[in-house]
């Protein structure tokens, strides 16, 4: 079975590949570039789900699974920003350091620092049917970075149940509680329905 992941992000590829390989044994994971799509897919949707579907549709070919995700950080005091613009929050090109600095600047002096990571995963099945799933993780944005793991906003995203930022979690810990881990578990349930 071939599955195309509509991403060039190595961190996302690793996370998704680990789950799908474990779940679907004998699966061949292909990236967008491996099927000849090297340019960025234009994400012009207005939600995480719309953007994930745009990407899944862009790499889908009859007879294969296409999977794409769109994820980001939604901060309550900022009206849900950066949201679907999380990766490019500080402008082009994408820069995690600048994004984190902008987030800290915009939250300066604000008491409410609650936030949610959101991940929407779209799947387009070999027969053309499609669906989306969503996962969330709730936390608090710190005033300074802690931890060296993860990527993106992980050093600022404090997860109260474990008393650590996402950047301080092991890969296994993060998968159990993260937005992407939650979405992947729901994806696994849905896929098992379609594959039986």
N, C-alpha and C. Protein backbone atom coordinates (compact mmCIF):
# COMPACT_ATOMS: atom_id res chain seq x y z
N UNK A 1 0.84 -1.18 0.00
CA UNK A 1 0.00 0.00 0.00
C UNK A 1 0.88 1.25 0.00
N UNK A 2 0.54 2.21 -0.85
CA UNK A 2 1.32 3.45 -0.92
C UNK A 2 0.52 4.59 -0.29
N UNK A 3 1.21 5.36 0.52
CA UNK A 3 0.62 6.54 1.13
C UNK A 3 1.52 7.72 0.83
N UNK A 4 0.94 8.79 0.32
CA UNK A 4 1.71 10.01 0.07
C UNK A 4 1.41 11.01 1.17
N UNK A 5 2.45 11.52 1.79
CA UNK A 5 2.32 12.58 2.78
C UNK A 5 2.57 13.92 2.09
N UNK A 6 1.61 14.80 2.14
CA UNK A 6 1.72 16.08 1.45
C UNK A 6 2.45 17.09 2.33
N UNK A 7 3.75 16.86 2.50
CA UNK A 7 4.56 17.79 3.29
C UNK A 7 6.02 17.67 2.89
N UNK A 8 6.77 18.73 3.14
CA UNK A 8 8.23 18.70 2.99
C UNK A 8 8.88 18.82 4.38
N UNK A 9 8.05 18.96 5.43
CA UNK A 9 8.52 19.16 6.79
C UNK A 9 9.01 17.83 7.36
N UNK A 10 10.31 17.70 7.58
CA UNK A 10 10.90 16.44 8.03
C UNK A 10 10.38 16.02 9.40
N UNK A 11 10.10 16.99 10.27
CA UNK A 11 9.58 16.65 11.60
C UNK A 11 8.19 16.01 11.50
N UNK A 12 7.34 16.59 10.65
CA UNK A 12 6.00 16.03 10.47
C UNK A 12 6.08 14.66 9.82
N UNK A 13 6.95 14.52 8.83
CA UNK A 13 7.09 13.23 8.13
C UNK A 13 7.45 12.15 9.14
N UNK A 14 8.41 12.44 10.02
CA UNK A 14 8.86 11.45 11.00
C UNK A 14 7.72 11.05 11.93
N UNK A 15 7.00 12.05 12.47
CA UNK A 15 5.91 11.77 13.40
C UNK A 15 4.81 10.94 12.73
N UNK A 16 4.40 11.35 11.54
CA UNK A 16 3.30 10.66 10.86
C UNK A 16 3.73 9.28 10.38
N UNK A 17 4.94 9.19 9.86
CA UNK A 17 5.44 7.91 9.36
C UNK A 17 5.52 6.87 10.48
N UNK A 18 5.96 7.27 11.67
CA UNK A 18 6.06 6.34 12.80
C UNK A 18 4.71 5.72 13.11
N UNK A 19 3.66 6.55 13.12
CA UNK A 19 2.33 6.06 13.46
C UNK A 19 1.77 5.18 12.35
N UNK A 20 1.86 5.64 11.10
CA UNK A 20 1.27 4.90 9.99
C UNK A 20 1.97 3.57 9.75
N UNK A 21 3.28 3.55 9.87
CA UNK A 21 4.02 2.30 9.67
C UNK A 21 3.65 1.30 10.74
N UNK A 22 3.53 1.76 11.97
CA UNK A 22 3.16 0.89 13.08
C UNK A 22 1.74 0.36 12.90
N UNK A 23 0.86 1.22 12.39
CA UNK A 23 -0.55 0.89 12.27
C UNK A 23 -0.85 0.02 11.06
N UNK A 24 -0.17 0.29 9.96
CA UNK A 24 -0.53 -0.35 8.69
C UNK A 24 0.55 -1.27 8.16
N UNK A 25 1.52 -1.69 8.95
CA UNK A 25 2.63 -2.53 8.51
C UNK A 25 2.72 -2.81 7.01
N UNK A 26 3.89 -2.76 6.45
CA UNK A 26 4.09 -3.02 5.03
C UNK A 26 3.69 -1.86 4.14
N UNK A 27 3.51 -0.70 4.73
CA UNK A 27 3.10 0.47 3.96
C UNK A 27 4.33 1.18 3.40
N UNK A 28 4.21 1.73 2.21
CA UNK A 28 5.29 2.51 1.60
C UNK A 28 4.91 3.98 1.70
N UNK A 29 5.70 4.72 2.47
CA UNK A 29 5.44 6.14 2.66
C UNK A 29 6.22 6.94 1.62
N UNK A 30 5.52 7.76 0.88
CA UNK A 30 6.15 8.65 -0.10
C UNK A 30 5.90 10.09 0.31
N UNK A 31 6.87 10.94 0.04
CA UNK A 31 6.67 12.36 0.30
C UNK A 31 6.24 13.04 -0.99
N UNK A 32 5.79 14.26 -0.87
CA UNK A 32 5.35 15.02 -2.04
C UNK A 32 6.47 15.09 -3.08
N UNK A 33 7.69 15.34 -2.63
CA UNK A 33 8.81 15.47 -3.57
C UNK A 33 9.11 14.15 -4.28
N UNK A 34 8.85 13.03 -3.62
CA UNK A 34 9.10 11.73 -4.24
C UNK A 34 8.13 11.41 -5.37
N UNK A 35 7.01 12.12 -5.42
CA UNK A 35 6.10 11.92 -6.54
C UNK A 35 6.14 13.12 -7.50
N UNK A 36 7.18 13.93 -7.36
CA UNK A 36 7.41 15.01 -8.32
C UNK A 36 6.84 16.36 -7.94
N UNK A 37 6.32 16.52 -6.73
CA UNK A 37 5.79 17.82 -6.30
C UNK A 37 6.83 18.45 -5.37
N UNK A 38 7.58 19.39 -5.90
CA UNK A 38 8.67 19.99 -5.11
C UNK A 38 8.34 21.40 -4.63
N UNK A 39 7.38 22.06 -5.29
CA UNK A 39 7.03 23.41 -4.86
C UNK A 39 6.03 23.33 -3.70
N UNK A 40 5.93 24.43 -2.96
CA UNK A 40 4.96 24.47 -1.87
C UNK A 40 3.56 24.52 -2.45
N UNK A 41 2.66 23.80 -1.83
CA UNK A 41 1.25 23.82 -2.25
C UNK A 41 0.61 25.07 -1.65
N UNK A 42 -0.11 25.81 -2.46
CA UNK A 42 -0.74 27.05 -2.01
C UNK A 42 -1.84 26.75 -1.00
N UNK A 43 -1.62 27.14 0.24
CA UNK A 43 -2.61 26.93 1.30
C UNK A 43 -3.43 28.20 1.45
N UNK A 44 -4.57 28.25 0.77
CA UNK A 44 -5.39 29.46 0.82
C UNK A 44 -6.75 29.22 1.45
N UNK A 45 -6.85 28.16 2.27
CA UNK A 45 -8.08 27.90 3.00
C UNK A 45 -8.22 28.84 4.18
N UNK A 46 -9.39 28.79 4.82
CA UNK A 46 -9.65 29.67 5.96
C UNK A 46 -9.67 28.90 7.28
N UNK A 47 -9.35 27.62 7.21
CA UNK A 47 -9.30 26.80 8.43
C UNK A 47 -8.20 25.75 8.28
N UNK A 48 -7.85 25.13 9.39
CA UNK A 48 -6.86 24.05 9.35
C UNK A 48 -7.36 22.91 8.46
N UNK A 49 -8.66 22.59 8.58
CA UNK A 49 -9.23 21.50 7.78
C UNK A 49 -9.17 21.81 6.29
N UNK A 50 -9.53 23.02 5.91
CA UNK A 50 -9.50 23.39 4.49
C UNK A 50 -8.09 23.29 3.92
N UNK A 51 -7.12 23.78 4.67
CA UNK A 51 -5.73 23.73 4.19
C UNK A 51 -5.22 22.29 4.08
N UNK A 52 -5.59 21.45 5.05
CA UNK A 52 -5.18 20.04 4.99
C UNK A 52 -5.79 19.36 3.77
N UNK A 53 -7.06 19.63 3.48
CA UNK A 53 -7.71 19.04 2.30
C UNK A 53 -7.07 19.53 1.01
N UNK A 54 -6.74 20.80 0.93
CA UNK A 54 -6.09 21.35 -0.26
C UNK A 54 -4.80 20.58 -0.55
N UNK A 55 -4.02 20.32 0.50
CA UNK A 55 -2.75 19.62 0.32
C UNK A 55 -2.96 18.15 -0.04
N UNK A 56 -3.91 17.49 0.62
CA UNK A 56 -4.17 16.07 0.31
C UNK A 56 -4.64 15.92 -1.13
N UNK A 57 -5.50 16.81 -1.57
CA UNK A 57 -6.01 16.74 -2.96
C UNK A 57 -4.90 16.99 -3.97
N UNK A 58 -3.95 17.84 -3.60
CA UNK A 58 -2.87 18.19 -4.53
C UNK A 58 -1.93 17.02 -4.82
N UNK A 59 -1.80 16.09 -3.88
CA UNK A 59 -0.86 14.98 -4.08
C UNK A 59 -1.56 13.65 -4.37
N UNK A 60 -2.89 13.66 -4.34
CA UNK A 60 -3.64 12.41 -4.52
C UNK A 60 -3.62 11.95 -5.97
N UNK A 61 -3.48 10.65 -6.13
CA UNK A 61 -3.64 9.99 -7.42
C UNK A 61 -4.49 8.76 -7.18
N UNK A 62 -5.29 8.38 -8.15
CA UNK A 62 -6.17 7.22 -7.98
C UNK A 62 -5.35 5.99 -7.58
N UNK A 63 -5.84 5.30 -6.58
CA UNK A 63 -5.19 4.07 -6.14
C UNK A 63 -4.23 4.23 -4.97
N UNK A 64 -4.04 5.45 -4.50
CA UNK A 64 -3.17 5.66 -3.34
C UNK A 64 -3.89 6.47 -2.26
N UNK A 65 -3.37 6.37 -1.06
CA UNK A 65 -3.84 7.22 0.03
C UNK A 65 -3.04 8.52 0.00
N UNK A 66 -3.71 9.63 0.20
CA UNK A 66 -3.01 10.91 0.35
C UNK A 66 -3.38 11.47 1.72
N UNK A 67 -2.36 11.82 2.48
CA UNK A 67 -2.58 12.35 3.82
C UNK A 67 -1.82 13.67 3.96
N UNK A 68 -2.50 14.65 4.54
CA UNK A 68 -1.88 15.96 4.77
C UNK A 68 -2.37 16.50 6.10
N UNK A 69 -1.54 17.29 6.72
CA UNK A 69 -2.00 17.93 7.95
C UNK A 69 -1.74 19.43 7.87
N UNK A 70 -2.51 20.14 8.65
CA UNK A 70 -2.26 21.56 8.84
C UNK A 70 -2.42 21.80 10.32
N UNK A 71 -1.46 22.47 10.89
CA UNK A 71 -1.50 22.67 12.33
C UNK A 71 -0.99 24.04 12.69
N UNK A 72 -1.31 24.45 13.91
CA UNK A 72 -0.85 25.75 14.35
C UNK A 72 -1.24 26.02 15.78
N UNK A 73 -0.84 27.18 16.24
CA UNK A 73 -1.05 27.61 17.61
C UNK A 73 -2.14 28.69 17.63
N UNK A 74 -3.13 28.51 18.49
CA UNK A 74 -4.20 29.50 18.65
C UNK A 74 -4.13 30.04 20.07
N UNK A 75 -3.87 31.35 20.18
CA UNK A 75 -3.69 31.99 21.48
C UNK A 75 -4.94 32.82 21.80
N UNK A 76 -5.55 32.53 22.93
CA UNK A 76 -6.83 33.17 23.27
C UNK A 76 -6.74 34.70 23.34
N UNK A 77 -5.71 35.23 23.98
CA UNK A 77 -5.60 36.68 24.14
C UNK A 77 -5.34 37.39 22.81
N UNK A 78 -4.97 36.63 21.78
CA UNK A 78 -4.70 37.22 20.46
C UNK A 78 -5.83 36.90 19.49
N UNK A 79 -6.99 36.54 20.02
CA UNK A 79 -8.13 36.26 19.16
C UNK A 79 -7.93 35.03 18.28
N UNK A 80 -7.11 34.09 18.75
CA UNK A 80 -6.87 32.87 17.99
C UNK A 80 -5.64 32.92 17.10
N UNK A 81 -4.99 34.08 17.01
CA UNK A 81 -3.75 34.15 16.24
C UNK A 81 -2.63 33.42 16.97
N UNK A 82 -1.63 32.96 16.29
CA UNK A 82 -1.39 33.04 14.85
C UNK A 82 -2.22 32.09 13.99
N UNK A 83 -2.82 31.06 14.59
CA UNK A 83 -3.75 30.19 13.87
C UNK A 83 -3.16 29.57 12.62
N UNK A 84 -3.92 29.67 11.50
CA UNK A 84 -3.46 29.03 10.27
C UNK A 84 -2.21 29.70 9.70
N UNK A 85 -1.82 30.82 10.27
CA UNK A 85 -0.61 31.52 9.80
C UNK A 85 0.59 31.26 10.72
N UNK A 86 0.51 30.24 11.56
CA UNK A 86 1.54 29.99 12.57
C UNK A 86 2.94 29.87 12.00
N UNK A 87 3.12 29.14 10.91
CA UNK A 87 4.46 28.91 10.36
C UNK A 87 5.09 30.19 9.82
N UNK A 88 4.26 31.10 9.34
CA UNK A 88 4.78 32.34 8.72
C UNK A 88 4.35 33.58 9.50
N UNK A 89 4.15 33.41 10.78
CA UNK A 89 3.63 34.48 11.63
C UNK A 89 4.48 35.75 11.56
N UNK A 90 5.79 35.59 11.53
CA UNK A 90 6.69 36.75 11.49
C UNK A 90 7.08 37.11 10.06
N UNK A 91 6.42 36.50 9.07
CA UNK A 91 6.71 36.79 7.66
C UNK A 91 7.53 35.70 6.99
N UNK A 92 7.79 35.91 5.73
CA UNK A 92 8.58 34.96 4.92
C UNK A 92 10.06 35.31 5.02
N UNK A 93 10.95 34.35 4.92
CA UNK A 93 10.67 32.91 4.94
C UNK A 93 10.33 32.46 6.36
N UNK A 94 9.83 31.23 6.49
CA UNK A 94 9.47 30.69 7.82
C UNK A 94 10.69 30.73 8.73
N UNK A 95 10.48 31.18 9.96
CA UNK A 95 11.58 31.27 10.91
C UNK A 95 11.04 31.08 12.32
N UNK A 96 11.33 29.94 12.94
CA UNK A 96 10.81 29.63 14.27
C UNK A 96 11.20 30.67 15.31
N UNK A 97 12.45 31.10 15.26
CA UNK A 97 12.94 32.07 16.25
C UNK A 97 12.17 33.38 16.16
N UNK A 98 11.99 33.88 14.94
CA UNK A 98 11.25 35.15 14.75
C UNK A 98 9.79 34.99 15.13
N UNK A 99 9.20 33.83 14.81
CA UNK A 99 7.80 33.59 15.19
C UNK A 99 7.64 33.62 16.70
N UNK A 100 8.56 32.96 17.41
CA UNK A 100 8.49 32.94 18.87
C UNK A 100 8.68 34.34 19.46
N UNK A 101 9.61 35.09 18.89
CA UNK A 101 9.85 36.45 19.37
C UNK A 101 8.63 37.33 19.16
N UNK A 102 7.98 37.18 18.01
CA UNK A 102 6.77 37.99 17.73
C UNK A 102 5.66 37.62 18.70
N UNK A 103 5.50 36.31 18.95
CA UNK A 103 4.46 35.87 19.88
C UNK A 103 4.70 36.46 21.27
N UNK A 104 5.94 36.40 21.75
CA UNK A 104 6.25 36.95 23.07
C UNK A 104 5.99 38.45 23.12
N UNK A 105 6.33 39.14 22.05
CA UNK A 105 6.11 40.58 21.98
C UNK A 105 4.62 40.92 22.04
N UNK A 106 3.81 40.17 21.31
CA UNK A 106 2.38 40.45 21.26
C UNK A 106 1.67 40.08 22.57
N UNK A 107 2.26 39.17 23.33
CA UNK A 107 1.66 38.78 24.61
C UNK A 107 2.19 39.59 25.78
N UNK A 108 3.16 40.45 25.52
CA UNK A 108 3.76 41.25 26.59
C UNK A 108 2.67 42.05 27.31
N UNK A 109 2.60 41.89 28.62
CA UNK A 109 1.63 42.62 29.44
C UNK A 109 0.25 41.99 29.51
N UNK A 110 0.03 40.89 28.82
CA UNK A 110 -1.28 40.23 28.85
C UNK A 110 -1.31 39.16 29.94
N UNK A 111 -2.41 39.14 30.68
CA UNK A 111 -2.56 38.17 31.77
C UNK A 111 -2.96 36.79 31.25
N UNK A 112 -3.85 36.76 30.28
CA UNK A 112 -4.33 35.48 29.74
C UNK A 112 -3.32 34.97 28.72
N UNK A 113 -2.65 33.88 29.07
CA UNK A 113 -1.65 33.30 28.18
C UNK A 113 -2.04 31.88 27.75
N UNK A 114 -3.33 31.56 27.90
CA UNK A 114 -3.80 30.23 27.51
C UNK A 114 -3.80 30.10 25.99
N UNK A 115 -3.54 28.88 25.53
CA UNK A 115 -3.44 28.65 24.09
C UNK A 115 -3.72 27.19 23.79
N UNK A 116 -3.99 26.91 22.54
CA UNK A 116 -4.19 25.54 22.09
C UNK A 116 -3.41 25.29 20.82
N UNK A 117 -2.75 24.15 20.76
CA UNK A 117 -2.21 23.66 19.50
C UNK A 117 -3.33 22.87 18.83
N UNK A 118 -3.51 23.09 17.54
CA UNK A 118 -4.55 22.38 16.78
C UNK A 118 -3.90 21.70 15.60
N UNK A 119 -4.34 20.50 15.30
CA UNK A 119 -3.87 19.77 14.13
C UNK A 119 -5.07 19.16 13.42
N UNK A 120 -5.23 19.48 12.16
CA UNK A 120 -6.24 18.84 11.31
C UNK A 120 -5.51 17.96 10.31
N UNK A 121 -5.97 16.73 10.17
CA UNK A 121 -5.39 15.81 9.19
C UNK A 121 -6.48 15.45 8.19
N UNK A 122 -6.14 15.59 6.91
CA UNK A 122 -7.06 15.21 5.84
C UNK A 122 -6.54 13.94 5.19
N UNK A 123 -7.46 13.07 4.85
CA UNK A 123 -7.12 11.82 4.16
C UNK A 123 -8.01 11.70 2.93
N UNK A 124 -7.37 11.50 1.80
CA UNK A 124 -8.11 11.21 0.56
C UNK A 124 -7.79 9.77 0.21
N UNK A 125 -8.83 8.94 0.21
CA UNK A 125 -8.69 7.50 0.02
C UNK A 125 -8.45 7.15 -1.44
N UNK A 126 -7.95 5.94 -1.70
CA UNK A 126 -7.69 5.52 -3.08
C UNK A 126 -8.90 5.64 -4.01
N UNK A 127 -10.12 5.53 -3.43
CA UNK A 127 -11.33 5.63 -4.26
C UNK A 127 -11.83 7.06 -4.40
N UNK A 128 -11.09 8.03 -3.83
CA UNK A 128 -11.47 9.44 -3.96
C UNK A 128 -12.25 10.00 -2.79
N UNK A 129 -12.76 9.15 -1.89
CA UNK A 129 -13.47 9.66 -0.72
C UNK A 129 -12.46 10.37 0.18
N UNK A 130 -12.96 11.35 0.93
CA UNK A 130 -12.06 12.11 1.80
C UNK A 130 -12.73 12.45 3.12
N UNK A 131 -11.90 12.65 4.14
CA UNK A 131 -12.39 13.04 5.44
C UNK A 131 -11.28 13.78 6.18
N UNK A 132 -11.67 14.47 7.25
CA UNK A 132 -10.69 15.15 8.10
C UNK A 132 -10.92 14.75 9.56
N UNK A 133 -9.85 14.83 10.33
CA UNK A 133 -9.93 14.63 11.78
C UNK A 133 -9.16 15.78 12.44
N UNK A 134 -9.45 16.00 13.71
CA UNK A 134 -8.81 17.11 14.42
C UNK A 134 -8.33 16.65 15.79
N UNK A 135 -7.18 17.17 16.19
CA UNK A 135 -6.65 16.93 17.52
C UNK A 135 -6.24 18.25 18.14
N UNK A 136 -6.36 18.37 19.46
CA UNK A 136 -5.97 19.60 20.15
C UNK A 136 -5.13 19.26 21.38
N UNK A 137 -4.38 20.24 21.82
CA UNK A 137 -3.65 20.16 23.09
C UNK A 137 -3.71 21.55 23.71
N UNK A 138 -4.12 21.63 24.96
CA UNK A 138 -4.28 22.92 25.63
C UNK A 138 -3.12 23.19 26.58
N UNK A 139 -2.69 24.44 26.59
CA UNK A 139 -1.58 24.81 27.46
C UNK A 139 -1.51 26.30 27.71
N UNK A 140 -0.32 26.74 28.09
CA UNK A 140 -0.08 28.14 28.45
C UNK A 140 1.22 28.59 27.80
N UNK A 141 1.24 29.81 27.29
CA UNK A 141 2.46 30.36 26.68
C UNK A 141 3.33 30.99 27.78
N UNK A 142 4.55 30.49 27.91
CA UNK A 142 5.48 31.03 28.90
C UNK A 142 6.03 32.39 28.47
N UNK A 143 6.72 33.05 29.39
CA UNK A 143 7.32 34.35 29.07
C UNK A 143 8.72 34.20 28.49
N UNK A 144 9.30 33.01 28.64
CA UNK A 144 10.58 32.73 28.00
C UNK A 144 10.66 31.25 27.66
N UNK A 145 11.53 30.91 26.72
CA UNK A 145 11.62 29.55 26.21
C UNK A 145 12.25 28.61 27.23
N UNK A 146 11.74 27.37 27.22
CA UNK A 146 12.30 26.33 28.07
C UNK A 146 12.36 25.03 27.27
N UNK A 147 13.53 24.39 27.27
CA UNK A 147 13.70 23.13 26.56
C UNK A 147 14.31 23.30 25.19
N UNK A 148 14.91 22.25 24.69
CA UNK A 148 15.61 22.32 23.40
C UNK A 148 15.07 21.34 22.36
N UNK A 149 14.08 20.53 22.74
CA UNK A 149 13.52 19.58 21.80
C UNK A 149 12.40 20.18 20.98
N UNK A 150 11.77 19.32 20.18
CA UNK A 150 10.62 19.77 19.40
C UNK A 150 10.98 20.78 18.34
N UNK A 151 9.99 21.54 17.92
CA UNK A 151 10.19 22.56 16.89
C UNK A 151 9.08 23.59 16.98
N UNK A 152 9.19 24.64 16.23
CA UNK A 152 8.14 25.68 16.23
C UNK A 152 8.00 26.36 17.58
N UNK A 153 6.78 26.40 18.07
CA UNK A 153 6.48 27.09 19.33
C UNK A 153 6.65 26.19 20.56
N UNK A 154 7.17 24.98 20.37
CA UNK A 154 7.29 24.03 21.48
C UNK A 154 8.00 24.57 22.72
N UNK A 155 9.07 25.38 22.58
CA UNK A 155 9.76 25.87 23.79
C UNK A 155 8.93 26.85 24.63
N UNK A 156 7.87 27.41 24.05
CA UNK A 156 7.03 28.37 24.77
C UNK A 156 5.72 27.74 25.25
N UNK A 157 5.38 26.57 24.73
CA UNK A 157 4.09 25.95 25.02
C UNK A 157 4.21 25.03 26.23
N UNK A 158 3.72 25.52 27.37
CA UNK A 158 3.78 24.77 28.63
C UNK A 158 2.52 23.92 28.76
N UNK A 159 2.74 22.62 29.04
CA UNK A 159 1.63 21.67 29.16
C UNK A 159 1.44 21.33 30.63
N UNK A 160 0.46 21.95 31.33
CA UNK A 160 0.31 21.80 32.78
C UNK A 160 0.22 20.37 33.30
N UNK A 161 -0.51 19.44 32.65
CA UNK A 161 -0.60 18.09 33.23
C UNK A 161 0.76 17.40 33.42
N UNK A 162 1.75 17.73 32.58
CA UNK A 162 3.07 17.11 32.73
C UNK A 162 4.09 18.07 33.33
N UNK A 163 3.71 19.35 33.51
CA UNK A 163 4.62 20.31 34.13
C UNK A 163 5.84 20.62 33.29
N UNK A 164 5.71 20.54 31.96
CA UNK A 164 6.84 20.78 31.05
C UNK A 164 6.34 21.48 29.80
N UNK A 165 7.29 22.10 29.08
CA UNK A 165 6.95 22.59 27.75
C UNK A 165 7.03 21.41 26.78
N UNK A 166 6.43 21.59 25.60
CA UNK A 166 6.53 20.54 24.59
C UNK A 166 7.99 20.30 24.20
N UNK A 167 8.83 21.33 24.32
CA UNK A 167 10.25 21.18 23.99
C UNK A 167 11.02 20.38 25.03
N UNK A 168 10.41 20.16 26.20
CA UNK A 168 11.05 19.37 27.26
C UNK A 168 10.57 17.92 27.30
N UNK A 169 9.56 17.60 26.49
CA UNK A 169 9.02 16.26 26.49
C UNK A 169 9.85 15.32 25.62
N UNK A 170 9.86 14.05 25.98
CA UNK A 170 10.47 13.06 25.09
C UNK A 170 9.52 12.87 23.91
N UNK A 171 10.01 12.24 22.85
CA UNK A 171 9.18 11.98 21.69
C UNK A 171 7.94 11.18 22.09
N UNK A 172 8.12 10.19 22.95
CA UNK A 172 7.01 9.34 23.38
C UNK A 172 6.00 10.13 24.20
N UNK A 173 6.49 10.96 25.12
CA UNK A 173 5.60 11.79 25.94
C UNK A 173 4.79 12.74 25.05
N UNK A 174 5.48 13.35 24.10
CA UNK A 174 4.81 14.33 23.25
C UNK A 174 3.72 13.66 22.41
N UNK A 175 4.02 12.50 21.86
CA UNK A 175 3.04 11.82 21.03
C UNK A 175 1.76 11.50 21.81
N UNK A 176 1.91 11.16 23.10
CA UNK A 176 0.76 10.79 23.91
C UNK A 176 -0.18 11.96 24.18
N UNK A 177 0.33 13.18 24.17
CA UNK A 177 -0.50 14.33 24.57
C UNK A 177 -0.64 15.41 23.51
N UNK A 178 0.14 15.36 22.45
CA UNK A 178 0.16 16.47 21.49
C UNK A 178 -1.07 16.49 20.59
N UNK A 179 -1.29 17.64 19.99
CA UNK A 179 -2.37 17.82 19.02
C UNK A 179 -2.23 16.85 17.85
N UNK A 180 -0.99 16.69 17.35
CA UNK A 180 -0.78 15.78 16.22
C UNK A 180 -0.98 14.33 16.65
N UNK A 181 -0.51 13.98 17.84
CA UNK A 181 -0.72 12.64 18.35
C UNK A 181 -2.21 12.32 18.50
N UNK A 182 -2.96 13.29 19.04
CA UNK A 182 -4.41 13.10 19.20
C UNK A 182 -5.09 12.94 17.85
N UNK A 183 -4.70 13.76 16.88
CA UNK A 183 -5.29 13.67 15.54
C UNK A 183 -4.92 12.35 14.87
N UNK A 184 -3.69 11.90 15.04
CA UNK A 184 -3.25 10.65 14.43
C UNK A 184 -3.98 9.45 15.02
N UNK A 185 -4.26 9.50 16.33
CA UNK A 185 -5.01 8.39 16.93
C UNK A 185 -6.44 8.34 16.36
N UNK A 186 -7.04 9.50 16.15
CA UNK A 186 -8.38 9.53 15.55
C UNK A 186 -8.31 9.07 14.10
N UNK A 187 -7.25 9.48 13.39
CA UNK A 187 -7.05 9.02 12.01
C UNK A 187 -6.94 7.50 11.96
N UNK A 188 -6.20 6.95 12.90
CA UNK A 188 -6.01 5.50 12.96
C UNK A 188 -7.37 4.79 13.11
N UNK A 189 -8.21 5.33 13.98
CA UNK A 189 -9.55 4.74 14.17
C UNK A 189 -10.36 4.80 12.89
N UNK A 190 -10.33 5.96 12.23
CA UNK A 190 -11.11 6.12 10.99
C UNK A 190 -10.58 5.22 9.90
N UNK A 191 -9.26 5.16 9.76
CA UNK A 191 -8.67 4.32 8.70
C UNK A 191 -9.00 2.85 8.93
N UNK A 192 -8.98 2.43 10.20
CA UNK A 192 -9.28 1.02 10.47
C UNK A 192 -10.71 0.70 10.04
N UNK A 193 -11.60 1.66 10.14
CA UNK A 193 -12.98 1.47 9.67
C UNK A 193 -13.02 1.29 8.16
N UNK A 194 -12.26 2.13 7.43
CA UNK A 194 -12.26 2.06 5.97
C UNK A 194 -11.50 0.84 5.45
N UNK A 195 -10.57 0.32 6.24
CA UNK A 195 -9.74 -0.80 5.77
C UNK A 195 -10.29 -2.16 6.16
N UNK A 196 -11.42 -2.20 6.90
CA UNK A 196 -12.00 -3.50 7.27
C UNK A 196 -13.21 -3.83 6.42
